[in-house]
Amino acid sequence: MLLQDKRIAIFNIANKRSIAWAIAKAMDAQGAKLILGYQNERTKAAVQGLAEELTQPPLAILPCDVSVPEQIEEVQDAIRESAGTIHGLVHSLAFAPREALQNAYLFTEREHFVTALEVSAYSLVALARALTPVFSDKASITTLTYYGSEKVMPSYNVMGVAKAALEASVRYLAHDLGPAGVRVNAISAGPINTVAARGVSGFLDILEVHAAKAPLKRTVEGREVGDTAAFLASDLSSGITGEVIYVDTGYNIMGF
């Protein structure tokens, strides 16, 4: 029970196949008391239904559309009311318009670039700043990234650029929040067959290549990413901050 009595907020859960939900289940199994976020009314019912599968009811289920600054600020008040303080934040938010993934990166439109960077990278900064007043001592922030931030993954395009910005943000936030005892890390998860991932053209080919080349000769499971997130939120990782932790069955170490 690594997270016994720890209060952790997870933004956002979309559906049962999402990495955020795998993290929620792993943290719940380790005794965490959760606050679950959802984007809009369309996903609210799904998150409420999933919450019934947890071993203990969430402290709160909150709307959080990170493209609306007012909602981010409202989250702070809602957390203070429902939990007082939190010991951890999981940032699992990313989006790019379909056209930006279908077209070559060269033809990325300005508005699509701004949208991808705002939702996928800046939202980590905005949430960290908004929730700083409700972080407990030695709180942990964990975000989700992907190897496309370092190497070209065809059709990942502007999301790769956004993830690179996200990883740089992890380092700068780790520096800024370190004096307060808050740690900030990223998990670079291998490709997982989620609804969002299937929006990337050729995703099934990516899965096949990954399984063939990774040292463990398979793709990663959502459960493994969830377990790593639970570790990073626990006291066992108290000396780790500003890092990108790879959970990709070793794919990133391969040169050929």
Protein backbone atom coordinates (compact mmCIF):
# COMPACT_ATOMS: atom_id res chain seq x y z
CA MET A 1 0.00 0.00 0.00
CA LEU A 2 2.53 2.56 -1.20
CA LEU A 3 -0.04 5.35 -1.37
CA GLN A 4 -2.07 4.66 1.75
CA ASP A 5 -4.09 7.78 2.61
CA LYS A 6 -2.35 9.89 -0.05
CA ARG A 7 -4.70 12.18 -1.99
CA ILE A 8 -3.94 12.37 -5.70
CA ALA A 9 -5.64 14.27 -8.51
CA ILE A 10 -5.68 12.79 -12.02
CA PHE A 11 -6.47 15.02 -15.00
CA ASN A 12 -8.07 13.85 -17.23
CA ILE A 13 -9.67 10.44 -17.64
CA ALA A 14 -11.37 9.91 -21.00
CA ASN A 15 -12.40 6.24 -21.06
CA LYS A 16 -11.52 2.79 -19.75
CA ARG A 17 -8.74 2.30 -22.32
CA SER A 18 -6.91 5.51 -21.42
CA ILE A 19 -3.54 5.53 -19.69
CA ALA A 20 -5.01 7.87 -17.07
CA TRP A 21 -7.49 5.17 -16.08
CA ALA A 22 -4.72 2.56 -15.85
CA ILE A 23 -2.92 4.95 -13.50
CA ALA A 24 -6.07 5.52 -11.46
CA LYS A 25 -6.52 1.76 -10.98
CA ALA A 26 -2.89 1.27 -9.98
CA MET A 27 -3.01 4.09 -7.46
CA ASP A 28 -6.33 2.93 -6.08
CA ALA A 29 -4.83 -0.53 -5.55
CA GLN A 30 -2.04 1.09 -3.55
CA GLY A 31 -4.49 2.85 -1.22
CA ALA A 32 -4.66 6.33 -2.76
CA LYS A 33 -7.70 8.56 -2.36
CA LEU A 34 -8.37 9.96 -5.81
CA ILE A 35 -9.76 13.07 -7.41
CA LEU A 36 -10.72 12.36 -11.02
CA GLY A 37 -10.95 14.94 -13.77
CA TYR A 38 -12.92 14.90 -16.99
CA GLN A 39 -12.97 17.27 -19.95
CA ASN A 40 -16.65 17.91 -20.65
CA GLU A 41 -20.19 16.65 -20.25
CA ARG A 42 -19.64 14.09 -22.99
CA THR A 43 -17.02 12.27 -20.90
CA LYS A 44 -18.52 12.95 -17.46
CA ALA A 45 -20.84 9.93 -17.42
CA ALA A 46 -18.04 7.59 -18.52
CA VAL A 47 -15.76 8.76 -15.69
CA GLN A 48 -18.56 8.49 -13.14
CA GLY A 49 -19.18 4.92 -14.28
CA LEU A 50 -15.51 3.99 -14.08
CA ALA A 51 -15.27 5.48 -10.60
CA GLU A 52 -17.66 2.81 -9.36
CA GLU A 53 -14.98 0.20 -10.08
CA LEU A 54 -12.54 1.71 -7.58
CA THR A 55 -12.13 0.17 -4.14
CA GLN A 56 -13.08 3.47 -2.51
CA PRO A 57 -15.18 6.32 -3.92
CA PRO A 58 -13.26 9.32 -5.36
CA LEU A 59 -13.00 12.38 -3.17
CA ALA A 60 -14.35 14.35 -6.13
CA ILE A 61 -15.01 14.10 -9.87
CA LEU A 62 -14.24 17.47 -11.42
CA PRO A 63 -14.59 19.12 -14.84
CA CYS A 64 -11.31 20.47 -16.19
CA ASP A 65 -11.05 21.72 -19.75
CA VAL A 66 -7.50 23.10 -19.76
CA SER A 67 -8.26 25.32 -22.75
CA VAL A 68 -10.53 27.32 -20.42
CA PRO A 69 -8.33 29.14 -17.83
CA GLU A 70 -11.26 29.71 -15.49
CA GLN A 71 -11.82 25.97 -15.12
CA ILE A 72 -8.21 25.46 -14.05
CA GLU A 73 -8.61 28.06 -11.33
CA GLU A 74 -11.91 26.51 -10.22
CA VAL A 75 -10.17 23.15 -9.79
CA GLN A 76 -8.02 24.63 -7.00
CA ASP A 77 -11.10 25.71 -5.05
CA ALA A 78 -12.83 22.37 -5.63
CA ILE A 79 -9.79 20.41 -4.40
CA ARG A 80 -9.42 22.59 -1.33
CA GLU A 81 -13.08 21.97 -0.51
CA SER A 82 -13.07 18.21 -1.13
CA ALA A 83 -9.58 17.22 0.00
CA GLY A 84 -7.90 20.16 1.69
CA THR A 85 -4.50 19.35 0.22
CA ILE A 86 -3.20 16.76 -2.25
CA HIS A 87 -0.03 14.72 -2.29
CA GLY A 88 0.13 14.24 -6.01
CA LEU A 89 -0.98 15.38 -9.46
CA VAL A 90 -1.09 13.24 -12.58
CA HIS A 91 -1.15 15.23 -15.82
CA SER A 92 -2.46 13.08 -18.67
CA LEU A 93 -3.57 15.67 -21.20
CA ALA A 94 -2.69 15.88 -24.87
CA PHE A 95 -4.43 16.93 -28.05
CA ALA A 96 -3.66 17.96 -31.61
CA PRO A 97 -6.18 18.58 -34.41
CA ARG A 98 -6.47 15.63 -36.76
CA GLU A 99 -5.20 17.66 -39.71
CA ALA A 100 -1.94 18.32 -37.86
CA LEU A 101 -1.37 14.58 -37.55
CA GLN A 102 -2.42 13.70 -41.09
CA ASN A 103 -0.40 16.35 -42.92
CA ALA A 104 3.39 16.60 -43.02
CA TYR A 105 4.81 18.65 -40.13
CA LEU A 106 5.96 21.23 -42.69
CA PHE A 107 2.33 22.14 -43.30
CA THR A 108 1.29 22.54 -39.66
CA GLU A 109 -1.07 25.49 -39.35
CA ARG A 110 -0.30 28.14 -36.75
CA GLU A 111 -3.62 27.61 -34.94
CA HIS A 112 -3.09 23.85 -34.82
CA PHE A 113 0.43 24.33 -33.46
CA VAL A 114 -0.84 26.68 -30.74
CA THR A 115 -3.65 24.29 -29.78
CA ALA A 116 -1.32 21.30 -29.50
CA LEU A 117 1.23 23.17 -27.39
CA GLU A 118 -1.42 24.75 -25.16
CA VAL A 119 -3.26 21.54 -24.32
CA SER A 120 -0.33 19.13 -24.33
CA ALA A 121 2.44 21.20 -22.72
CA TYR A 122 1.31 24.52 -21.27
CA SER A 123 -1.51 22.84 -19.35
CA LEU A 124 1.11 21.19 -17.12
CA VAL A 125 2.49 24.62 -16.21
CA ALA A 126 -0.98 26.06 -15.65
CA LEU A 127 -2.14 23.18 -13.45
CA ALA A 128 1.09 23.10 -11.44
CA ARG A 129 0.80 26.83 -10.74
CA ALA A 130 -2.90 26.68 -9.91
CA LEU A 131 -2.50 23.73 -7.55
CA THR A 132 0.67 24.86 -5.78
CA PRO A 133 -1.39 26.33 -2.91
CA VAL A 134 -3.01 22.93 -2.26
CA PHE A 135 0.08 20.73 -2.57
CA SER A 136 1.14 19.03 0.64
CA ASP A 137 4.77 18.72 1.70
CA LYS A 138 6.78 16.48 -0.64
CA ALA A 139 4.06 16.39 -3.30
CA SER A 140 4.67 14.72 -6.64
CA ILE A 141 3.67 15.74 -10.18
CA THR A 142 3.78 13.16 -12.96
CA THR A 143 3.05 13.73 -16.64
CA LEU A 144 2.93 11.44 -19.70
CA THR A 145 5.21 11.77 -22.69
CA TYR A 146 6.37 9.66 -25.65
CA TYR A 147 9.61 8.88 -27.52
CA GLY A 148 8.33 10.93 -30.46
CA SER A 149 9.66 13.92 -28.53
CA GLU A 150 13.22 12.78 -29.32
CA LYS A 151 13.00 10.86 -32.59
CA VAL A 152 10.85 11.38 -35.66
CA MET A 153 7.74 9.23 -35.62
CA PRO A 154 5.92 9.65 -38.94
CA SER A 155 2.41 11.07 -38.44
CA TYR A 156 3.14 12.10 -34.84
CA ASN A 157 4.27 15.49 -36.12
CA VAL A 158 3.26 18.44 -33.94
CA MET A 159 2.58 16.12 -31.00
CA GLY A 160 6.28 15.23 -30.99
CA VAL A 161 7.13 18.92 -30.76
CA ALA A 162 4.56 19.38 -27.98
CA LYS A 163 5.98 16.43 -26.03
CA ALA A 164 9.48 17.90 -26.36
CA ALA A 165 8.16 21.12 -24.84
CA LEU A 166 6.45 19.09 -22.13
CA GLU A 167 9.69 17.33 -21.18
CA ALA A 168 11.56 20.63 -21.03
CA SER A 169 8.76 21.97 -18.83
CA VAL A 170 9.26 19.04 -16.45
CA ARG A 171 12.87 20.08 -15.90
CA TYR A 172 12.12 23.77 -15.41
CA LEU A 173 9.20 23.05 -13.09
CA ALA A 174 11.35 20.63 -11.10
CA HIS A 175 13.79 23.50 -10.57
CA ASP A 176 11.09 26.02 -9.63
CA LEU A 177 9.14 23.73 -7.30
CA GLY A 178 12.08 21.90 -5.76
CA PRO A 179 12.57 24.36 -2.88
CA ALA A 180 8.97 23.65 -1.84
CA GLY A 181 9.69 19.91 -1.83
CA VAL A 182 7.54 19.25 -4.90
CA ARG A 183 8.94 16.72 -7.39
CA VAL A 184 8.13 16.74 -11.12
CA ASN A 185 8.72 13.80 -13.45
CA ALA A 186 7.52 12.37 -16.75
CA ILE A 187 6.81 8.82 -17.83
CA SER A 188 7.70 8.10 -21.45
CA ALA A 189 5.31 5.26 -22.19
CA GLY A 190 5.67 2.98 -25.16
CA PRO A 191 2.78 2.85 -27.64
CA ILE A 192 -0.44 1.58 -26.07
CA ASN A 193 -3.61 0.83 -28.02
CA THR A 194 -5.76 3.64 -26.67
CA VAL A 195 -8.52 5.56 -28.44
CA ALA A 196 -6.26 8.61 -28.68
CA ALA A 197 -3.32 6.62 -30.06
CA ARG A 198 -5.44 5.20 -32.85
CA GLY A 199 -5.76 8.74 -34.17
CA VAL A 200 -2.13 8.51 -35.31
CA SER A 201 -1.89 7.19 -38.86
CA GLY A 202 -0.07 3.85 -39.06
CA PHE A 203 -0.36 3.23 -35.32
CA LEU A 204 -0.77 -0.52 -35.73
CA ASP A 205 2.49 -0.58 -37.69
CA ILE A 206 4.17 1.29 -34.84
CA LEU A 207 2.99 -1.38 -32.39
CA GLU A 208 4.36 -4.13 -34.62
CA VAL A 209 7.78 -2.51 -35.05
CA HIS A 210 7.99 -1.73 -31.33
CA ALA A 211 7.31 -5.33 -30.34
CA ALA A 212 9.86 -6.61 -32.84
CA LYS A 213 12.71 -4.29 -31.83
CA ALA A 214 12.23 -3.80 -28.08
CA PRO A 215 14.49 -5.97 -25.90
CA LEU A 216 11.47 -7.55 -24.20
CA LYS A 217 9.93 -8.31 -27.61
CA ARG A 218 6.53 -6.91 -26.74
CA THR A 219 4.71 -3.65 -26.26
CA VAL A 220 4.07 -2.15 -22.85
CA GLU A 221 0.84 -2.62 -20.88
CA GLY A 222 -1.18 0.17 -19.34
CA ARG A 223 -0.83 -1.58 -15.99
CA GLU A 224 2.96 -1.17 -16.15
CA VAL A 225 2.66 2.56 -16.76
CA GLY A 226 0.17 2.78 -13.89
CA ASP A 227 2.52 0.97 -11.53
CA THR A 228 5.35 3.33 -12.43
CA ALA A 229 3.12 6.34 -11.79
CA ALA A 230 2.22 4.89 -8.38
CA PHE A 231 5.92 4.52 -7.59
CA LEU A 232 6.65 8.12 -8.61
CA ALA A 233 3.84 9.36 -6.37
CA SER A 234 5.13 7.33 -3.43
CA ASP A 235 7.81 8.09 -0.85
CA LEU A 236 10.01 5.42 -2.46
CA SER A 237 10.84 7.90 -5.23
CA SER A 238 11.58 10.84 -2.91
CA GLY A 239 14.97 11.51 -4.52
CA ILE A 240 13.75 11.55 -8.13
CA THR A 241 12.79 14.79 -9.87
CA GLY A 242 13.16 16.37 -13.30
CA GLU A 243 13.44 12.96 -14.94
CA VAL A 244 11.90 11.19 -17.90
CA ILE A 245 11.31 7.56 -16.91
CA TYR A 246 10.99 5.18 -19.85
CA VAL A 247 8.36 2.46 -19.57
CA ASP A 248 8.59 1.08 -23.09
CA THR A 249 9.97 -2.48 -22.74
CA GLY A 250 13.40 -1.05 -23.57
CA TYR A 251 12.67 0.26 -27.07
CA ASN A 252 14.45 3.57 -26.45
CA ILE A 253 17.85 1.96 -25.88
CA MET A 254 17.99 0.38 -29.32
CA GLY A 255 20.02 1.95 -32.12
CA PHE A 256 18.99 -0.50 -34.82
